[in-house]
Amino acid sequence: MHEPTDNQAAKAGDEAPAMTDRSKFMVAVFADFVCPYSFITIDQMDRLGEEYGVRVLWRPHWLHPDTPPEGKPFDGDPAAVARRAAVMDWVKEMSPEHTAGMRFPDHMQNSFLAFEALEFAVDQERSMPFKSAVFSQLWKEGGDISKVATLQKAAESCGLDADALGQALRARQYSQRAMAAVMQARSLDVTATPTMFIGRTRVNGWHYYEVIQTIIEKQGIMPLVSAGEVQQH
């Protein structure tokens, strides 16, 4: 997880060439479900897709690949405990409405199985609601997303076939695709979570929505309302 400390994202938006065809405009978010900064990015990216009529993709960046499948305890060192508390305080301050009832997991969870489940949701064209459901299971419900049953609960909540997902996960049907997605993030030198590619502009870390608006509008994509368009659902 990574908290932005500069305005590089806004500067990058100044350099991006204009593109007015929103049907070809892509927003890719590289994130990990275990990252609280990624959690508070959900509303921003959903809002961006809604207000600007652009396609948003959520792709995996495996933040802690050294975490065993069963998870591991957090570092109990007082300094580490204080850092986690500071992160949670910051996140709640930045997004108080979205983080109401948010709670920190009691151990570090392995997120790779959730990445596999996300690929299943992609095939069912339900990846956007599913990613929100997985984040909610972890950060609001206190679930363990390394467990098939938790991911099935997320699936049920957004209209996916939980039994089919369970079968796919137990058979590791999507493990190669999930690993390919992880390797794609590495090939792009993604280290911060979230990392967003908004058109031709790379944005590292969480930023206020107004910054993201500036970046997309400087590439020629205006809000649907101001463009006189009606978004179809």
Protein backbone atom coordinates (compact mmCIF):
# COMPACT_ATOMS: atom_id res chain seq x y z
CA MET A 1 0.00 0.00 0.00
CA HIS A 2 1.27 3.47 -0.73
CA GLU A 3 0.21 6.96 0.29
CA PRO A 4 1.01 9.59 -2.38
CA THR A 5 3.20 12.44 -1.25
CA ASP A 6 3.54 14.63 -4.37
CA ASN A 7 1.64 15.98 -7.37
CA GLN A 8 3.28 13.87 -10.07
CA ALA A 9 -0.11 12.57 -11.19
CA ALA A 10 -1.43 16.03 -11.94
CA LYS A 11 1.75 16.93 -13.81
CA ALA A 12 1.48 13.77 -15.89
CA GLY A 13 -2.00 14.83 -16.95
CA ASP A 14 -0.53 17.97 -18.53
CA GLU A 15 1.61 15.84 -20.82
CA ALA A 16 -1.08 13.46 -22.09
CA PRO A 17 -2.34 13.98 -25.66
CA ALA A 18 -6.04 14.60 -26.10
CA MET A 19 -8.44 11.76 -26.87
CA THR A 20 -12.13 12.49 -27.35
CA ASP A 21 -13.42 8.99 -28.19
CA ARG A 22 -14.50 7.66 -24.80
CA SER A 23 -15.29 4.23 -26.29
CA LYS A 24 -11.56 3.71 -26.77
CA PHE A 25 -10.51 5.29 -23.50
CA MET A 26 -9.33 2.83 -20.86
CA VAL A 27 -8.80 3.12 -17.13
CA ALA A 28 -6.89 0.24 -15.54
CA VAL A 29 -6.54 -0.02 -11.78
CA PHE A 30 -3.82 -2.29 -10.41
CA ALA A 31 -4.70 -3.07 -6.82
CA ASP A 32 -4.68 -5.65 -4.04
CA PHE A 33 -7.72 -6.48 -1.97
CA VAL A 34 -5.63 -6.41 1.21
CA CYS A 35 -4.62 -2.77 0.63
CA PRO A 36 -6.78 -0.18 2.45
CA TYR A 37 -5.76 2.53 -0.03
CA SER A 38 -7.16 0.34 -2.79
CA PHE A 39 -10.36 -0.10 -0.79
CA ILE A 40 -11.05 3.64 -0.67
CA THR A 41 -10.37 3.90 -4.41
CA ILE A 42 -13.48 1.82 -5.22
CA ASP A 43 -15.96 4.68 -5.10
CA GLN A 44 -13.68 6.98 -7.06
CA MET A 45 -13.22 4.56 -9.96
CA ASP A 46 -16.88 3.52 -10.02
CA ARG A 47 -17.80 7.20 -10.08
CA LEU A 48 -15.32 7.85 -12.88
CA GLY A 49 -16.86 5.13 -15.03
CA GLU A 50 -20.36 6.42 -14.31
CA GLU A 51 -19.73 10.14 -14.83
CA TYR A 52 -17.35 9.91 -17.81
CA GLY A 53 -18.67 6.81 -19.56
CA VAL A 54 -15.27 5.12 -19.69
CA ARG A 55 -14.41 1.49 -19.16
CA VAL A 56 -12.65 0.68 -15.88
CA LEU A 57 -10.70 -2.54 -15.37
CA TRP A 58 -9.45 -3.85 -12.03
CA ARG A 59 -6.26 -5.90 -12.32
CA PRO A 60 -4.19 -7.61 -9.63
CA HIS A 61 -1.03 -6.26 -8.10
CA TRP A 62 0.10 -8.84 -5.55
CA LEU A 63 1.28 -6.68 -2.69
CA HIS A 64 2.52 -9.45 -0.36
CA PRO A 65 3.37 -12.56 -2.43
CA ASP A 66 5.38 -13.94 0.49
CA THR A 67 2.20 -14.46 2.52
CA PRO A 68 1.51 -18.21 2.90
CA PRO A 69 -1.87 -19.53 1.70
CA GLU A 70 -3.16 -19.73 5.26
CA GLY A 71 -2.06 -16.18 6.02
CA LYS A 72 0.27 -15.00 8.76
CA PRO A 73 0.15 -12.83 11.88
CA PHE A 74 0.90 -9.14 11.58
CA ASP A 75 4.17 -7.90 12.97
CA GLY A 76 3.57 -7.33 16.66
CA ASP A 77 6.39 -4.85 17.07
CA PRO A 78 5.03 -1.65 18.69
CA ALA A 79 6.30 0.46 15.80
CA ALA A 80 4.52 -1.76 13.26
CA VAL A 81 1.31 -1.67 15.28
CA ALA A 82 1.51 2.11 15.41
CA ARG A 83 2.04 2.30 11.64
CA ARG A 84 -1.06 0.19 10.98
CA ALA A 85 -3.10 2.37 13.30
CA ALA A 86 -1.83 5.49 11.52
CA VAL A 87 -2.78 4.02 8.13
CA MET A 88 -6.30 3.28 9.30
CA ASP A 89 -6.70 6.75 10.78
CA TRP A 90 -5.51 8.33 7.52
CA VAL A 91 -7.79 6.19 5.36
CA LYS A 92 -10.83 6.96 7.49
CA GLU A 93 -10.05 10.67 7.40
CA MET A 94 -9.70 10.70 3.60
CA SER A 95 -12.89 8.73 2.94
CA PRO A 96 -15.15 8.89 6.02
CA GLU A 97 -18.37 7.92 4.25
CA HIS A 98 -16.88 4.92 2.47
CA THR A 99 -15.02 3.69 5.53
CA ALA A 100 -17.90 3.81 8.01
CA GLY A 101 -17.73 0.50 9.87
CA MET A 102 -14.37 -0.37 8.32
CA ARG A 103 -12.14 -2.63 10.39
CA PHE A 104 -8.57 -3.79 10.03
CA PRO A 105 -8.09 -7.56 9.47
CA ASP A 106 -6.63 -9.49 12.40
CA HIS A 107 -3.93 -11.10 10.24
CA MET A 108 -2.27 -10.73 6.85
CA GLN A 109 -4.30 -12.60 4.25
CA ASN A 110 -3.15 -14.19 1.01
CA SER A 111 -5.05 -12.52 -1.83
CA PHE A 112 -4.11 -14.79 -4.75
CA LEU A 113 -7.26 -16.94 -4.60
CA ALA A 114 -9.30 -13.73 -4.75
CA PHE A 115 -7.38 -12.80 -7.90
CA GLU A 116 -8.41 -16.15 -9.40
CA ALA A 117 -12.02 -15.43 -8.43
CA LEU A 118 -11.77 -12.03 -10.11
CA GLU A 119 -10.85 -13.76 -13.39
CA PHE A 120 -13.97 -15.91 -13.03
CA ALA A 121 -16.02 -12.74 -12.61
CA VAL A 122 -14.37 -11.23 -15.70
CA ASP A 123 -15.63 -14.16 -17.76
CA GLN A 124 -19.13 -13.56 -16.39
CA GLU A 125 -18.87 -9.80 -17.10
CA ARG A 126 -19.37 -9.09 -13.39
CA SER A 127 -15.86 -8.09 -12.38
CA MET A 128 -16.75 -4.57 -11.22
CA PRO A 129 -19.49 -5.53 -8.72
CA PHE A 130 -17.50 -8.60 -7.68
CA LYS A 131 -14.37 -6.61 -6.82
CA SER A 132 -16.49 -4.35 -4.59
CA ALA A 133 -18.03 -7.39 -2.92
CA VAL A 134 -14.62 -8.90 -2.18
CA PHE A 135 -13.36 -5.64 -0.69
CA SER A 136 -16.52 -5.50 1.43
CA GLN A 137 -16.08 -9.06 2.67
CA LEU A 138 -12.59 -8.25 3.87
CA TRP A 139 -12.84 -4.67 5.13
CA LYS A 140 -16.45 -4.54 6.35
CA GLU A 141 -17.51 -8.11 7.11
CA GLY A 142 -14.20 -9.31 8.54
CA GLY A 143 -14.02 -12.28 6.17
CA ASP A 144 -10.91 -14.15 5.06
CA ILE A 145 -10.60 -13.76 1.28
CA SER A 146 -8.13 -16.63 1.08
CA LYS A 147 -11.09 -18.94 1.77
CA VAL A 148 -13.36 -20.26 -0.97
CA ALA A 149 -16.44 -19.82 1.22
CA THR A 150 -15.74 -16.09 1.67
CA LEU A 151 -15.36 -15.58 -2.06
CA GLN A 152 -18.59 -17.49 -2.64
CA LYS A 153 -20.37 -15.06 -0.29
CA ALA A 154 -19.01 -12.20 -2.39
CA ALA A 155 -20.24 -13.94 -5.52
CA GLU A 156 -23.74 -14.45 -4.13
CA SER A 157 -24.01 -10.79 -3.18
CA CYS A 158 -23.45 -9.63 -6.75
CA GLY A 159 -25.42 -12.21 -8.71
CA LEU A 160 -22.68 -14.69 -9.58
CA ASP A 161 -23.09 -18.46 -9.38
CA ALA A 162 -21.37 -19.24 -6.09
CA ASP A 163 -21.31 -23.00 -6.71
CA ALA A 164 -19.67 -22.57 -10.12
CA LEU A 165 -17.11 -20.22 -8.59
CA GLY A 166 -16.34 -22.72 -5.85
CA GLN A 167 -15.80 -25.48 -8.38
CA ALA A 168 -13.51 -23.28 -10.47
CA LEU A 169 -11.45 -22.24 -7.45
CA ARG A 170 -11.05 -25.75 -6.08
CA ALA A 171 -9.92 -26.92 -9.53
CA ARG A 172 -7.56 -23.92 -9.75
CA GLN A 173 -9.08 -23.22 -13.14
CA TYR A 174 -7.98 -19.59 -13.14
CA SER A 175 -4.61 -19.84 -11.42
CA GLN A 176 -2.55 -19.39 -14.60
CA ARG A 177 -4.59 -16.39 -15.70
CA ALA A 178 -4.31 -14.80 -12.28
CA MET A 179 -0.54 -15.30 -12.29
CA ALA A 180 -0.32 -13.83 -15.79
CA ALA A 181 -2.15 -10.77 -14.50
CA VAL A 182 0.26 -10.50 -11.58
CA MET A 183 3.20 -10.73 -13.97
CA GLN A 184 1.68 -8.01 -16.14
CA ALA A 185 1.72 -5.66 -13.16
CA ARG A 186 5.36 -6.53 -12.51
CA SER A 187 6.25 -5.93 -16.15
CA LEU A 188 4.77 -2.44 -15.80
CA ASP A 189 6.87 -1.83 -12.66
CA VAL A 190 3.78 -1.43 -10.52
CA THR A 191 4.86 -1.08 -6.91
CA ALA A 192 2.29 1.30 -5.38
CA THR A 193 -1.25 0.24 -4.62
CA PRO A 194 -3.33 1.37 -6.21
CA THR A 195 -1.63 2.27 -9.46
CA MET A 196 -3.99 3.64 -12.10
CA PHE A 197 -3.46 4.04 -15.82
CA ILE A 198 -5.96 6.72 -16.84
CA GLY A 199 -5.68 6.79 -20.59
CA ARG A 200 -2.02 7.57 -21.21
CA THR A 201 -1.37 8.85 -17.71
CA ARG A 202 0.01 6.77 -14.89
CA VAL A 203 -1.14 7.67 -11.37
CA ASN A 204 0.69 6.17 -8.39
CA GLY A 205 -1.22 5.88 -5.14
CA TRP A 206 -4.48 7.36 -3.88
CA HIS A 207 -5.44 10.89 -4.95
CA TYR A 208 -8.45 13.10 -4.46
CA TYR A 209 -11.17 12.65 -7.08
CA GLU A 210 -10.66 16.20 -8.33
CA VAL A 211 -7.09 15.30 -9.31
CA ILE A 212 -8.35 12.30 -11.28
CA GLN A 213 -10.95 14.49 -12.99
CA THR A 214 -8.23 16.91 -14.07
CA ILE A 215 -6.18 14.07 -15.53
CA ILE A 216 -9.01 12.59 -17.58
CA GLU A 217 -10.37 15.93 -18.78
CA LYS A 218 -6.94 17.08 -19.95
CA GLN A 219 -7.03 14.07 -22.26
CA GLY A 220 -10.24 15.31 -23.87
CA ILE A 221 -12.79 13.19 -21.99
CA MET A 222 -15.55 15.32 -20.50
CA PRO A 223 -18.35 14.26 -18.13
CA LEU A 224 -21.36 12.75 -19.88
CA VAL A 225 -23.73 15.44 -18.61
CA SER A 226 -21.59 18.31 -19.81
CA ALA A 227 -21.13 16.52 -23.13
CA GLY A 228 -24.91 16.33 -23.53
CA GLU A 229 -24.89 12.54 -23.46
CA VAL A 230 -26.99 10.02 -21.61
CA GLN A 231 -25.19 6.98 -20.27
CA GLN A 232 -26.85 3.69 -21.08
CA HIS A 233 -27.11 1.01 -18.42
